[in-house]
């Protein structure tokens, strides 16, 4: 066994799997590389909608007898709409399977590896495990906690403002930064904004100008459902899905109007502060969402931070100053001690056009 060679091909498989992000939910985004005598025979990744699986895509392209299959997640072992990938690998004639991560789905959870070994195949596990976990953080989060992985995006001036006192916010960041936001949307299952942002900005929330055909689900957290259907979301709800998260007191006439516009309404528990954040995410998890991209506004962002539900923070900083009269990027967090502030660890920093983007991971205490 050559560990360095295995890592090389597994990194390829993980990179292929990333092509499915935002398109395969609730399934994991998996990549597969078939190699024989050091030469790549075929590659595959999970297709839009979650099927066919990466292994089936790759195996359909070549004669895999005597090959090694590098798969970024344990091959499935259960019958669904397609046969188990572990069984398909056995029947293909591959002699060795290298995986990055055991699938925690109770229907698999080691059974795929066991099926391969029982058929006499050489199985190597946990190659590039950390990278595979990062790729499928959303899939793993939904299985472990019933909610999607949450990425919070903030676009701020250097003094932490998202708009002027009059509400003007277009455009704080540069065109290159805005293009990067569209690319980020495309890698998530759904985009979430609050009702205030929907009313003030009339956002469209679709991916534009990247040559991409798939679109994330567009979601608004609107406890009272007090947003009009005449905006861009309401007018396009039959073209690209719009989901509205609302509380029990939402106006019945508003519910009827939004259903008539083609939106889907999802009821969530609410309190005096609005929708209960963890319950809201549980509702989305039940609907299959694994990766959620939150674009604000300040009240929604603060509620997710207060509840320790932000897993990744992406901040675009523009070289502008607005001053204290401008609108803050976050609503009140209710902190009295610095020790209670949400903690994040810097993961990446880069210049994008005239702006800076910094990416942070939640740091557990």
Protein backbone atom coordinates (compact mmCIF):
# COMPACT_ATOMS: atom_id res chain seq x y z
CA UNK A 1 0.00 0.00 0.00
CA UNK A 2 1.29 3.44 -0.97
CA UNK A 3 -0.28 5.96 1.38
CA UNK A 4 0.97 8.95 -0.61
CA UNK A 5 -0.53 7.58 -3.82
CA UNK A 6 -3.81 6.82 -2.05
CA UNK A 7 -3.96 10.38 -0.71
CA UNK A 8 -3.28 11.77 -4.18
CA UNK A 9 -6.17 9.96 -5.82
CA UNK A 10 -8.47 10.51 -2.84
CA UNK A 11 -7.92 14.26 -3.08
CA UNK A 12 -9.04 13.96 -6.70
CA UNK A 13 -12.18 12.11 -5.61
CA UNK A 14 -12.98 14.75 -2.98
CA UNK A 15 -12.49 17.49 -5.55
CA UNK A 16 -14.88 15.74 -7.91
CA UNK A 17 -17.44 15.38 -5.13
CA UNK A 18 -17.39 19.14 -4.58
CA UNK A 19 -18.94 19.57 -8.03
CA UNK A 20 -22.19 18.29 -6.59
CA UNK A 21 -22.47 20.79 -3.75
CA UNK A 22 -25.80 22.58 -3.84
CA UNK A 23 -27.27 20.07 -6.29
CA UNK A 24 -27.47 16.68 -4.59
CA UNK A 25 -29.24 17.36 -1.26
CA UNK A 26 -30.29 15.57 0.87
CA UNK A 27 -27.66 13.13 -0.43
CA UNK A 28 -23.94 13.57 0.20
CA UNK A 29 -21.67 15.00 -2.50
CA UNK A 30 -19.37 12.10 -3.37
CA UNK A 31 -16.56 11.63 -5.87
CA UNK A 32 -15.05 8.42 -7.26
CA UNK A 33 -11.83 7.75 -9.18
CA UNK A 34 -11.03 4.36 -10.73
CA UNK A 35 -7.32 3.59 -11.08
CA UNK A 36 -5.41 0.63 -12.49
CA UNK A 37 -1.62 0.38 -12.64
CA UNK A 38 -1.33 4.03 -11.67
CA UNK A 39 -3.54 5.21 -14.54
CA UNK A 40 -6.95 6.83 -14.08
CA UNK A 41 -9.59 4.81 -15.92
CA UNK A 42 -12.66 6.92 -15.10
CA UNK A 43 -14.04 9.56 -12.80
CA UNK A 44 -17.51 10.22 -11.46
CA UNK A 45 -19.41 12.31 -8.96
CA UNK A 46 -22.94 12.32 -7.55
CA UNK A 47 -25.32 13.73 -10.12
CA UNK A 48 -27.97 16.46 -9.59
CA UNK A 49 -30.83 15.23 -7.46
CA UNK A 50 -28.53 12.74 -5.74
CA UNK A 51 -28.53 9.99 -8.39
CA UNK A 52 -26.82 8.22 -9.98
CA UNK A 53 -24.15 7.91 -7.31
CA UNK A 54 -20.51 8.67 -7.98
CA UNK A 55 -19.45 5.01 -8.15
CA UNK A 56 -22.12 4.13 -10.72
CA UNK A 57 -21.15 7.11 -12.88
CA UNK A 58 -17.48 6.13 -12.92
CA UNK A 59 -18.08 2.39 -13.41
CA UNK A 60 -20.32 3.05 -16.42
CA UNK A 61 -17.35 4.60 -18.25
CA UNK A 62 -14.86 1.73 -18.21
CA UNK A 63 -13.94 -1.90 -17.59
CA UNK A 64 -12.90 -1.71 -13.93
CA UNK A 65 -11.66 -5.28 -13.46
CA UNK A 66 -8.51 -5.31 -11.33
CA UNK A 67 -8.82 -1.62 -10.51
CA UNK A 68 -8.77 0.36 -7.26
CA UNK A 69 -11.80 2.54 -6.52
CA UNK A 70 -11.17 5.72 -4.57
CA UNK A 71 -14.46 6.90 -3.05
CA UNK A 72 -14.80 9.95 -0.80
CA UNK A 73 -17.54 8.30 1.30
CA UNK A 74 -18.25 4.70 2.23
CA UNK A 75 -20.26 3.08 -0.59
CA UNK A 76 -23.93 2.66 0.29
CA UNK A 77 -25.14 -0.77 1.37
CA UNK A 78 -28.92 -0.38 1.16
CA UNK A 79 -31.43 -0.80 -1.64
CA UNK A 80 -33.15 2.44 -2.62
CA UNK A 81 -33.99 3.71 -6.07
CA UNK A 82 -30.68 2.17 -7.16
CA UNK A 83 -28.79 -0.99 -6.09
CA UNK A 84 -26.21 -0.68 -3.30
CA UNK A 85 -22.97 0.83 -4.59
CA UNK A 86 -20.97 -1.66 -2.51
CA UNK A 87 -22.64 -4.51 -4.42
CA UNK A 88 -22.06 -2.73 -7.75
CA UNK A 89 -18.36 -2.35 -6.95
CA UNK A 90 -18.06 -6.04 -6.11
CA UNK A 91 -19.76 -7.04 -9.36
CA UNK A 92 -17.54 -4.67 -11.39
CA UNK A 93 -14.40 -6.66 -10.61
CA UNK A 94 -12.48 -3.99 -8.71
CA UNK A 95 -10.06 -5.59 -6.28
CA UNK A 96 -9.44 -2.71 -3.88
CA UNK A 97 -11.56 0.11 -2.46
CA UNK A 98 -10.13 3.13 -0.65
CA UNK A 99 -12.53 5.40 1.23
CA UNK A 100 -12.16 8.66 3.12
CA UNK A 101 -15.04 8.49 5.54
CA UNK A 102 -17.49 6.01 7.05
CA UNK A 103 -21.07 6.97 6.20
CA UNK A 104 -22.91 7.68 9.50
CA UNK A 105 -26.30 7.11 7.85
CA UNK A 106 -27.83 4.25 9.91
CA UNK A 107 -28.63 2.43 6.67
CA UNK A 108 -24.90 2.23 5.93
CA UNK A 109 -22.70 2.89 8.99
CA UNK A 110 -19.98 0.35 8.19
CA UNK A 111 -22.18 -2.10 6.28
CA UNK A 112 -20.76 -0.97 2.95
CA UNK A 113 -17.21 -1.66 4.08
CA UNK A 114 -18.29 -5.02 5.53
CA UNK A 115 -19.98 -6.02 2.27
CA UNK A 116 -16.81 -5.25 0.32
CA UNK A 117 -14.59 -7.19 2.72
CA UNK A 118 -16.97 -10.15 2.75
CA UNK A 119 -16.56 -10.35 -1.03
CA UNK A 120 -12.78 -10.54 -0.64
CA UNK A 121 -11.89 -6.97 -1.65
CA UNK A 122 -9.02 -5.11 0.00
CA UNK A 123 -10.54 -2.11 1.82
CA UNK A 124 -8.60 0.88 3.17
CA UNK A 125 -10.44 3.47 5.25
CA UNK A 126 -9.94 7.04 6.52
CA UNK A 127 -7.68 8.35 3.75
CA UNK A 128 -7.95 12.19 3.70
CA UNK A 129 -10.74 11.94 6.27
CA UNK A 130 -10.56 15.57 7.39
CA UNK A 131 -10.99 16.91 3.85
CA UNK A 132 -13.91 14.54 3.27
CA UNK A 133 -15.58 15.74 6.46
CA UNK A 134 -15.22 19.34 5.33
CA UNK A 135 -16.75 18.53 1.95
CA UNK A 136 -19.83 16.92 3.46
CA UNK A 137 -20.14 19.01 6.62
CA UNK A 138 -23.78 19.71 5.77
CA UNK A 139 -24.71 16.08 5.17
CA UNK A 140 -22.99 15.09 8.41
CA UNK A 141 -24.59 17.94 10.39
CA UNK A 142 -28.07 16.99 9.25
CA UNK A 143 -27.53 13.36 10.26
CA UNK A 144 -25.99 14.27 13.62
CA UNK A 145 -28.16 17.21 14.69
CA UNK A 146 -31.09 17.29 12.30
CA UNK A 147 -30.22 20.72 10.91
CA UNK A 148 -28.24 22.10 7.98
CA UNK A 149 -24.72 23.47 8.12
CA UNK A 150 -25.08 27.26 8.38
CA UNK A 151 -22.83 29.74 6.60
CA UNK A 152 -23.45 33.37 7.53
CA UNK A 153 -22.35 35.97 4.99
CA UNK A 154 -21.85 39.60 5.98
CA UNK A 155 -20.94 42.43 3.61
CA UNK A 156 -19.69 45.31 5.75
CA UNK A 157 -17.91 48.62 5.64
CA UNK A 158 -14.71 48.85 7.64
CA UNK A 159 -16.71 50.18 10.57
CA UNK A 160 -19.16 47.28 10.49
CA UNK A 161 -22.13 48.90 8.73
CA UNK A 162 -24.43 47.32 6.15
CA UNK A 163 -26.30 50.46 5.02
CA UNK A 164 -26.58 54.19 5.50
CA UNK A 165 -29.08 55.65 7.94
CA UNK A 166 -31.55 55.95 5.05
CA UNK A 167 -31.15 52.25 4.20
CA UNK A 168 -28.97 52.60 1.09
CA UNK A 169 -26.76 49.52 0.71
CA UNK A 170 -26.14 49.06 -3.03
CA UNK A 171 -23.36 48.57 -3.40
CA UNK A 172 -21.09 48.35 -0.37
CA UNK A 173 -18.86 45.69 -1.91
CA UNK A 174 -17.16 45.61 -5.31
CA UNK A 175 -18.37 43.66 -8.40
CA UNK A 176 -15.78 40.91 -7.87
CA UNK A 177 -17.00 40.34 -4.32
CA UNK A 178 -20.60 40.19 -5.47
CA UNK A 179 -19.64 37.64 -8.11
CA UNK A 180 -18.02 35.53 -5.40
CA UNK A 181 -21.28 35.66 -3.42
CA UNK A 182 -23.11 34.19 -6.42
CA UNK A 183 -20.56 31.36 -6.54
CA UNK A 184 -21.12 30.73 -2.84
CA UNK A 185 -24.89 30.61 -3.36
CA UNK A 186 -24.39 27.96 -6.02
CA UNK A 187 -22.55 25.71 -3.55
CA UNK A 188 -25.40 25.75 -1.03
CA UNK A 189 -28.78 24.05 -1.09
CA UNK A 190 -30.66 27.15 0.00
CA UNK A 191 -30.26 30.89 0.60
CA UNK A 192 -31.92 32.47 3.64
CA UNK A 193 -32.81 36.10 4.41
CA UNK A 194 -34.99 37.75 7.01
CA UNK A 195 -38.26 39.53 6.35
CA UNK A 196 -36.66 42.93 6.91
CA UNK A 197 -34.11 42.29 4.18
CA UNK A 198 -36.84 41.00 1.85
CA UNK A 199 -38.86 44.17 2.36
CA UNK A 200 -35.97 46.65 2.20
CA UNK A 201 -33.89 45.16 -0.64
CA UNK A 202 -36.44 43.22 -2.70
CA UNK A 203 -33.74 40.58 -3.39
CA UNK A 204 -33.90 37.97 -6.12
CA UNK A 205 -31.41 35.56 -4.45
CA UNK A 206 -30.76 33.59 -7.63
CA UNK A 207 -27.30 32.71 -8.95
CA UNK A 208 -26.54 34.96 -11.92
CA UNK A 209 -23.83 35.49 -14.53
CA UNK A 210 -21.94 32.24 -13.86
CA UNK A 211 -23.42 30.03 -16.57
CA UNK A 212 -25.03 27.87 -13.87
CA UNK A 213 -28.45 26.35 -14.48
CA UNK A 214 -29.28 25.02 -11.01
CA UNK A 215 -30.55 27.41 -8.35
CA UNK A 216 -30.69 27.21 -4.55
CA UNK A 217 -34.02 27.24 -2.78
CA UNK A 218 -34.80 30.83 -1.75
CA UNK A 219 -36.04 31.09 1.83
CA UNK A 220 -37.39 34.01 3.85
CA UNK A 221 -37.80 33.91 7.63
CA UNK A 222 -40.97 35.97 8.03
CA UNK A 223 -42.65 35.29 11.40
CA UNK A 224 -45.75 37.36 10.55
CA UNK A 225 -45.54 36.78 6.80
CA UNK A 226 -45.63 40.56 6.38
CA UNK A 227 -43.99 40.77 2.96
CA UNK A 228 -45.73 41.44 -0.32
CA UNK A 229 -46.00 39.06 -3.24
CA UNK A 230 -45.36 41.84 -5.79
CA UNK A 231 -41.60 41.73 -5.20
CA UNK A 232 -39.04 39.74 -7.15
CA UNK A 233 -39.36 36.65 -4.95
CA UNK A 234 -43.12 36.55 -5.29
CA UNK A 235 -43.06 37.15 -9.03
CA UNK A 236 -40.56 34.33 -9.66
CA UNK A 237 -41.73 31.72 -7.13
CA UNK A 238 -43.05 29.46 -9.88
CA UNK A 239 -39.68 29.55 -11.67
CA UNK A 240 -37.34 28.90 -8.71
CA UNK A 241 -38.62 27.57 -5.36
CA UNK A 242 -39.45 30.08 -2.63
CA UNK A 243 -40.05 28.82 0.90
CA UNK A 244 -41.49 31.06 3.60
CA UNK A 245 -40.83 30.23 7.24
CA UNK A 246 -43.58 31.72 9.37
CA UNK A 247 -44.97 31.65 12.89
CA UNK A 248 -48.39 30.50 14.09
CA UNK A 249 -49.84 34.05 14.04
CA UNK A 250 -49.12 34.67 10.35
CA UNK A 251 -52.04 36.35 8.63
CA UNK A 252 -54.28 33.87 6.79
CA UNK A 253 -54.78 36.26 3.86
CA UNK A 254 -51.00 36.52 3.45
CA UNK A 255 -50.70 32.75 3.50
CA UNK A 256 -53.29 32.49 0.74
CA UNK A 257 -51.58 35.14 -1.40
CA UNK A 258 -48.16 33.48 -1.13
CA UNK A 259 -49.53 30.01 -1.86
CA UNK A 260 -51.27 31.51 -4.88
CA UNK A 261 -47.93 32.94 -6.02
CA UNK A 262 -46.39 29.47 -5.94
CA UNK A 263 -44.43 29.67 -2.68
CA UNK A 264 -44.27 26.89 -0.11
CA UNK A 265 -45.12 27.81 3.48
CA UNK A 266 -43.41 26.14 6.42
CA UNK A 267 -44.75 26.73 9.92
CA UNK A 268 -42.21 27.17 12.73
CA UNK A 269 -42.41 27.77 16.47
CA UNK A 270 -42.04 31.43 17.41
CA UNK A 271 -41.56 33.56 20.51
CA UNK A 272 -41.49 37.30 21.24
CA UNK A 273 -38.18 37.64 19.36
CA UNK A 274 -39.46 35.91 16.21
CA UNK A 275 -38.94 32.40 14.92
CA UNK A 276 -37.08 30.08 17.29
CA UNK A 277 -33.74 29.64 15.47
CA UNK A 278 -32.95 26.02 16.29
CA UNK A 279 -36.51 24.92 15.56
CA UNK A 280 -36.46 26.83 12.28
CA UNK A 281 -33.32 24.95 11.23
CA UNK A 282 -34.85 21.65 12.30
CA UNK A 283 -37.76 22.32 9.95
CA UNK A 284 -35.30 22.91 7.10
CA UNK A 285 -33.37 19.78 8.03
CA UNK A 286 -36.57 17.76 7.87
CA UNK A 287 -37.08 19.06 4.34
CA UNK A 288 -33.63 17.78 3.34
CA UNK A 289 -31.60 21.00 3.38
CA UNK A 290 -27.97 20.24 4.29
CA UNK A 291 -26.17 23.52 3.46
CA UNK A 292 -27.77 26.90 4.23
CA UNK A 293 -26.33 30.25 3.11
CA UNK A 294 -27.67 33.09 5.28
CA UNK A 295 -27.40 36.55 3.76
CA UNK A 296 -28.94 38.55 6.60
CA UNK A 297 -30.17 40.90 7.75
CA UNK A 298 -28.87 41.99 11.09
CA UNK A 299 -31.67 40.60 13.27
CA UNK A 300 -31.66 37.15 11.66
CA UNK A 301 -27.85 36.99 11.80
CA UNK A 302 -27.84 37.99 15.47
CA UNK A 303 -30.47 35.38 16.34
CA UNK A 304 -28.40 32.62 14.74
CA UNK A 305 -25.25 33.81 16.49
CA UNK A 306 -26.96 34.04 19.88
CA UNK A 307 -28.13 30.44 19.47
CA UNK A 308 -24.61 29.27 18.45
CA UNK A 309 -25.96 28.03 15.11
CA UNK A 310 -23.47 29.70 12.75
CA UNK A 311 -20.91 27.12 11.66
CA UNK A 312 -19.03 29.26 9.16
CA UNK A 313 -18.74 33.04 8.88
CA UNK A 314 -17.78 34.73 5.60
CA UNK A 315 -17.19 38.47 5.89
CA UNK A 316 -16.64 40.81 2.94
CA UNK A 317 -14.98 44.02 4.13
CA UNK A 318 -15.16 47.05 1.84
CA UNK A 319 -12.91 50.09 2.11
CA UNK A 320 -15.73 52.43 3.08
CA UNK A 321 -16.81 54.18 6.28
CA UNK A 322 -20.38 55.16 7.13
CA UNK A 323 -20.25 56.06 10.80
CA UNK A 324 -22.38 55.29 13.81
CA UNK A 325 -25.53 56.66 12.15
CA UNK A 326 -25.35 53.81 9.63
CA UNK A 327 -27.11 50.53 10.13
CA UNK A 328 -25.06 47.97 12.04
CA UNK A 329 -24.27 44.61 10.50
CA UNK A 330 -25.68 42.83 13.54
CA UNK A 331 -28.56 43.48 15.89
CA UNK A 332 -27.96 43.25 19.62
CA UNK A 333 -26.47 40.05 20.93
CA UNK A 334 -27.30 40.84 24.54
CA UNK A 335 -23.77 40.31 25.83
CA UNK A 336 -22.54 41.58 29.16
CA UNK A 337 -19.22 39.72 29.17
CA UNK A 338 -16.65 39.49 26.41
CA UNK A 339 -16.16 35.84 27.32
CA UNK A 340 -19.73 35.16 26.15
CA UNK A 341 -19.13 36.53 22.65
CA UNK A 342 -19.32 34.01 19.77
CA UNK A 343 -15.80 32.82 18.96
CA UNK A 344 -14.54 32.06 15.47
CA UNK A 345 -11.19 30.86 14.16
CA UNK A 346 -9.73 32.44 11.02
CA UNK A 347 -9.49 29.91 8.20
CA UNK A 348 -8.73 32.00 5.12
CA UNK A 349 -8.06 35.59 4.10
CA UNK A 350 -7.83 36.97 0.58
CA UNK A 351 -8.29 40.09 -1.50
CA UNK A 352 -11.24 40.05 -3.91
CA UNK A 353 -11.18 43.03 -6.24
CA UNK A 354 -10.99 46.11 -4.04
CA UNK A 355 -12.36 44.25 -0.99
CA UNK A 356 -11.17 41.67 1.50
CA UNK A 357 -12.94 38.41 2.30
CA UNK A 358 -12.17 36.55 5.50
CA UNK A 359 -13.56 33.13 6.31
CA UNK A 360 -14.01 31.93 9.88
CA UNK A 361 -15.01 28.62 11.47
CA UNK A 362 -17.00 28.41 14.67
CA UNK A 363 -14.73 27.76 17.63
CA UNK A 364 -16.26 25.64 20.33
CA UNK A 365 -15.39 26.51 23.89
